[in-house]
């Protein structure tokens, strides 16, 4: 798992319980994973296809700094799959875990399109991070 970006939890990111609003966190994850998919597939034409069960493990509060970690898991003909963990930078406690985020390359008509990438063209399994 490599951690790519960090976010400071600010007042506008909080829910009624004064903890991090899950919707804000999911937006950040989707954006970060989408950018990661673009860089791995060498195209801006990717969309979120699937996000598996989301496990909210711990809360984050105002002033906490979190980091978003992504790990390459699989590649298909039109898709690429990652896992995600978000954790507190200082305590290393997991905030959220997502087993699978799937992104699909699309064509100009927004249909799935082959990306012509393989693990070999992207590097070995451990290098695709």
C-alpha atoms as a PDB file:
ATOM      1  CA  UNK A   1       0.000   0.000   0.000  1.00  0.00           C
ATOM      2  CA  UNK A   2       1.371   3.378  -1.002  1.00  0.00           C
ATOM      3  CA  UNK A   3      -0.037   6.567   0.479  1.00  0.00           C
ATOM      4  CA  UNK A   4      -0.379   9.298  -2.110  1.00  0.00           C
ATOM      5  CA  UNK A   5      -2.230  12.249  -0.638  1.00  0.00           C
ATOM      6  CA  UNK A   6      -3.060  13.793   2.677  1.00  0.00           C
ATOM      7  CA  UNK A   7      -6.024  15.838   3.841  1.00  0.00           C
ATOM      8  CA  UNK A   8      -6.488  18.090   6.862  1.00  0.00           C
ATOM      9  CA  UNK A   9      -9.932  17.613   8.408  1.00  0.00           C
ATOM     10  CA  UNK A  10     -11.569  21.052   8.547  1.00  0.00           C
ATOM     11  CA  UNK A  11     -14.914  22.250   9.978  1.00  0.00           C
ATOM     12  CA  UNK A  12     -16.662  21.946   6.590  1.00  0.00           C
ATOM     13  CA  UNK A  13     -15.726  18.241   6.420  1.00  0.00           C
ATOM     14  CA  UNK A  14     -17.638  17.307   9.593  1.00  0.00           C
ATOM     15  CA  UNK A  15     -21.013  15.639  10.105  1.00  0.00           C
ATOM     16  CA  UNK A  16     -23.569  16.363  12.851  1.00  0.00           C
ATOM     17  CA  UNK A  17     -21.498  14.250  15.251  1.00  0.00           C
ATOM     18  CA  UNK A  18     -18.448  16.511  14.654  1.00  0.00           C
ATOM     19  CA  UNK A  19     -16.529  13.676  13.011  1.00  0.00           C
ATOM     20  CA  UNK A  20     -15.456  13.349   9.400  1.00  0.00           C
ATOM     21  CA  UNK A  21     -18.475  13.130   7.070  1.00  0.00           C
ATOM     22  CA  UNK A  22     -18.288   9.835   5.174  1.00  0.00           C
ATOM     23  CA  UNK A  23     -19.448  11.448   1.941  1.00  0.00           C
ATOM     24  CA  UNK A  24     -16.531  13.881   1.959  1.00  0.00           C
ATOM     25  CA  UNK A  25     -14.098  11.038   2.535  1.00  0.00           C
ATOM     26  CA  UNK A  26     -15.602   8.938  -0.270  1.00  0.00           C
ATOM     27  CA  UNK A  27     -15.330  11.911  -2.641  1.00  0.00           C
ATOM     28  CA  UNK A  28     -11.626  12.269  -1.828  1.00  0.00           C
ATOM     29  CA  UNK A  29     -11.038   8.535  -2.284  1.00  0.00           C
ATOM     30  CA  UNK A  30     -12.883   8.437  -5.621  1.00  0.00           C
ATOM     31  CA  UNK A  31     -10.911  11.426  -6.891  1.00  0.00           C
ATOM     32  CA  UNK A  32      -7.553  10.047  -5.758  1.00  0.00           C
ATOM     33  CA  UNK A  33      -8.223   6.562  -7.135  1.00  0.00           C
ATOM     34  CA  UNK A  34      -9.508   8.032 -10.409  1.00  0.00           C
ATOM     35  CA  UNK A  35      -6.326  10.033 -10.866  1.00  0.00           C
ATOM     36  CA  UNK A  36      -4.291   6.932 -10.029  1.00  0.00           C
ATOM     37  CA  UNK A  37      -6.235   4.940 -12.658  1.00  0.00           C
ATOM     38  CA  UNK A  38      -5.582   7.681 -15.228  1.00  0.00           C
ATOM     39  CA  UNK A  39      -1.845   7.555 -14.572  1.00  0.00           C
ATOM     40  CA  UNK A  40      -1.698   3.758 -14.749  1.00  0.00           C
ATOM     41  CA  UNK A  41      -3.792   3.529 -17.930  1.00  0.00           C
ATOM     42  CA  UNK A  42      -2.268   6.624 -19.588  1.00  0.00           C
ATOM     43  CA  UNK A  43      -5.659   8.197 -20.287  1.00  0.00           C
ATOM     44  CA  UNK A  44      -8.062  10.691 -18.740  1.00  0.00           C
ATOM     45  CA  UNK A  45     -11.012   8.674 -20.052  1.00  0.00           C
ATOM     46  CA  UNK A  46     -11.740   6.551 -16.981  1.00  0.00           C
ATOM     47  CA  UNK A  47     -14.851   6.270 -14.837  1.00  0.00           C
ATOM     48  CA  UNK A  48     -15.648   4.632 -11.528  1.00  0.00           C
ATOM     49  CA  UNK A  49     -17.374   1.304 -12.194  1.00  0.00           C
ATOM     50  CA  UNK A  50     -17.595  -0.313  -8.774  1.00  0.00           C
ATOM     51  CA  UNK A  51     -16.746   0.307  -5.137  1.00  0.00           C
ATOM     52  CA  UNK A  52     -17.048  -2.704  -2.835  1.00  0.00           C
ATOM     53  CA  UNK A  53     -18.209  -2.720   0.759  1.00  0.00           C
ATOM     54  CA  UNK A  54     -16.892   0.242   2.711  1.00  0.00           C
ATOM     55  CA  UNK A  55     -15.666  -0.483   6.222  1.00  0.00           C
ATOM     56  CA  UNK A  56     -15.686   2.582   8.478  1.00  0.00           C
ATOM     57  CA  UNK A  57     -13.214   1.470  11.162  1.00  0.00           C
ATOM     58  CA  UNK A  58     -12.420   4.625  13.160  1.00  0.00           C
ATOM     59  CA  UNK A  59     -13.522   8.251  13.196  1.00  0.00           C
ATOM     60  CA  UNK A  60     -11.501  11.275  12.234  1.00  0.00           C
ATOM     61  CA  UNK A  61     -11.996  14.622  13.930  1.00  0.00           C
ATOM     62  CA  UNK A  62     -11.340  18.248  13.065  1.00  0.00           C
ATOM     63  CA  UNK A  63      -7.601  18.890  12.967  1.00  0.00           C
ATOM     64  CA  UNK A  64      -6.696  15.275  12.160  1.00  0.00           C
ATOM     65  CA  UNK A  65      -4.542  14.645   9.117  1.00  0.00           C
ATOM     66  CA  UNK A  66      -5.438  11.584   7.090  1.00  0.00           C
ATOM     67  CA  UNK A  67      -3.688   9.887   4.183  1.00  0.00           C
ATOM     68  CA  UNK A  68      -5.190   7.903   1.330  1.00  0.00           C
ATOM     69  CA  UNK A  69      -3.439   4.677   0.402  1.00  0.00           C
ATOM     70  CA  UNK A  70      -3.997   2.710  -2.787  1.00  0.00           C
ATOM     71  CA  UNK A  71      -2.765  -0.695  -3.877  1.00  0.00           C
ATOM     72  CA  UNK A  72      -2.938  -2.201  -7.349  1.00  0.00           C
ATOM     73  CA  UNK A  73      -4.909  -5.469  -7.299  1.00  0.00           C
ATOM     74  CA  UNK A  74      -5.892  -6.524 -10.817  1.00  0.00           C
ATOM     75  CA  UNK A  75      -6.144  -5.488 -14.432  1.00  0.00           C
ATOM     76  CA  UNK A  76      -8.770  -6.520 -16.958  1.00  0.00           C
ATOM     77  CA  UNK A  77      -9.331  -5.794 -20.642  1.00  0.00           C
ATOM     78  CA  UNK A  78     -11.059  -2.445 -19.946  1.00  0.00           C
ATOM     79  CA  UNK A  79     -10.621  -2.119 -16.177  1.00  0.00           C
ATOM     80  CA  UNK A  80      -8.124  -1.687 -13.374  1.00  0.00           C
ATOM     81  CA  UNK A  81      -8.771  -2.533  -9.717  1.00  0.00           C
ATOM     82  CA  UNK A  82      -7.278  -1.113  -6.528  1.00  0.00           C
ATOM     83  CA  UNK A  83      -7.694  -1.563  -2.789  1.00  0.00           C
ATOM     84  CA  UNK A  84      -7.783   1.448  -0.473  1.00  0.00           C
ATOM     85  CA  UNK A  85      -7.008   2.238   3.130  1.00  0.00           C
ATOM     86  CA  UNK A  86      -7.329   5.674   4.684  1.00  0.00           C
ATOM     87  CA  UNK A  87      -5.498   6.175   7.948  1.00  0.00           C
ATOM     88  CA  UNK A  88      -4.611   8.857  10.455  1.00  0.00           C
ATOM     89  CA  UNK A  89      -1.122  10.139   9.594  1.00  0.00           C
ATOM     90  CA  UNK A  90       0.021  10.380  13.210  1.00  0.00           C
ATOM     91  CA  UNK A  91      -1.681   7.454  14.958  1.00  0.00           C
ATOM     92  CA  UNK A  92      -1.706   5.142  11.887  1.00  0.00           C
ATOM     93  CA  UNK A  93      -5.225   4.042  12.889  1.00  0.00           C
ATOM     94  CA  UNK A  94      -7.306   2.957   9.920  1.00  0.00           C
ATOM     95  CA  UNK A  95     -10.238   5.289   9.232  1.00  0.00           C
ATOM     96  CA  UNK A  96     -11.747   3.390   6.298  1.00  0.00           C
ATOM     97  CA  UNK A  97     -10.947   0.261   4.272  1.00  0.00           C
ATOM     98  CA  UNK A  98     -12.263  -0.591   0.819  1.00  0.00           C
ATOM     99  CA  UNK A  99     -11.406  -3.968  -0.699  1.00  0.00           C
ATOM    100  CA  UNK A 100     -12.082  -3.081  -4.345  1.00  0.00           C
ATOM    101  CA  UNK A 101     -12.361   0.083  -6.421  1.00  0.00           C
ATOM    102  CA  UNK A 102     -12.792  -0.668 -10.123  1.00  0.00           C
ATOM    103  CA  UNK A 103     -12.223   1.906 -12.863  1.00  0.00           C
ATOM    104  CA  UNK A 104     -13.010   1.398 -16.539  1.00  0.00           C
ATOM    105  CA  UNK A 105     -11.524   3.095 -19.578  1.00  0.00           C
ATOM    106  CA  UNK A 106     -14.232   4.511 -21.825  1.00  0.00           C
ATOM    107  CA  UNK A 107     -14.370   5.685 -25.425  1.00  0.00           C
ATOM    108  CA  UNK A 108     -15.874   8.927 -26.725  1.00  0.00           C
ATOM    109  CA  UNK A 109     -19.387   7.416 -26.555  1.00  0.00           C
ATOM    110  CA  UNK A 110     -18.782   6.471 -22.889  1.00  0.00           C
ATOM    111  CA  UNK A 111     -18.651   2.732 -23.651  1.00  0.00           C
ATOM    112  CA  UNK A 112     -16.009   0.480 -22.087  1.00  0.00           C
ATOM    113  CA  UNK A 113     -12.888   0.444 -24.238  1.00  0.00           C
ATOM    114  CA  UNK A 114      -9.768  -1.727 -24.145  1.00  0.00           C
ATOM    115  CA  UNK A 115      -6.839   0.031 -22.499  1.00  0.00           C
ATOM    116  CA  UNK A 116      -4.217  -2.337 -23.968  1.00  0.00           C
ATOM    117  CA  UNK A 117      -2.307  -2.505 -20.687  1.00  0.00           C
ATOM    118  CA  UNK A 118      -1.115  -5.607 -18.906  1.00  0.00           C
ATOM    119  CA  UNK A 119       0.848  -6.194 -15.754  1.00  0.00           C
ATOM    120  CA  UNK A 120       3.854  -6.715 -17.988  1.00  0.00           C
ATOM    121  CA  UNK A 121       3.432  -3.362 -19.774  1.00  0.00           C
ATOM    122  CA  UNK A 122       2.958  -1.642 -16.421  1.00  0.00           C
ATOM    123  CA  UNK A 123       5.799  -3.466 -14.662  1.00  0.00           C
ATOM    124  CA  UNK A 124       5.790  -6.465 -12.366  1.00  0.00           C
ATOM    125  CA  UNK A 125       3.005  -6.886  -9.809  1.00  0.00           C
ATOM    126  CA  UNK A 126       5.077  -5.293  -7.069  1.00  0.00           C
ATOM    127  CA  UNK A 127       6.080  -2.380  -9.284  1.00  0.00           C
ATOM    128  CA  UNK A 128       2.507  -1.486 -10.193  1.00  0.00           C
ATOM    129  CA  UNK A 129       1.878   0.637  -7.164  1.00  0.00           C
END
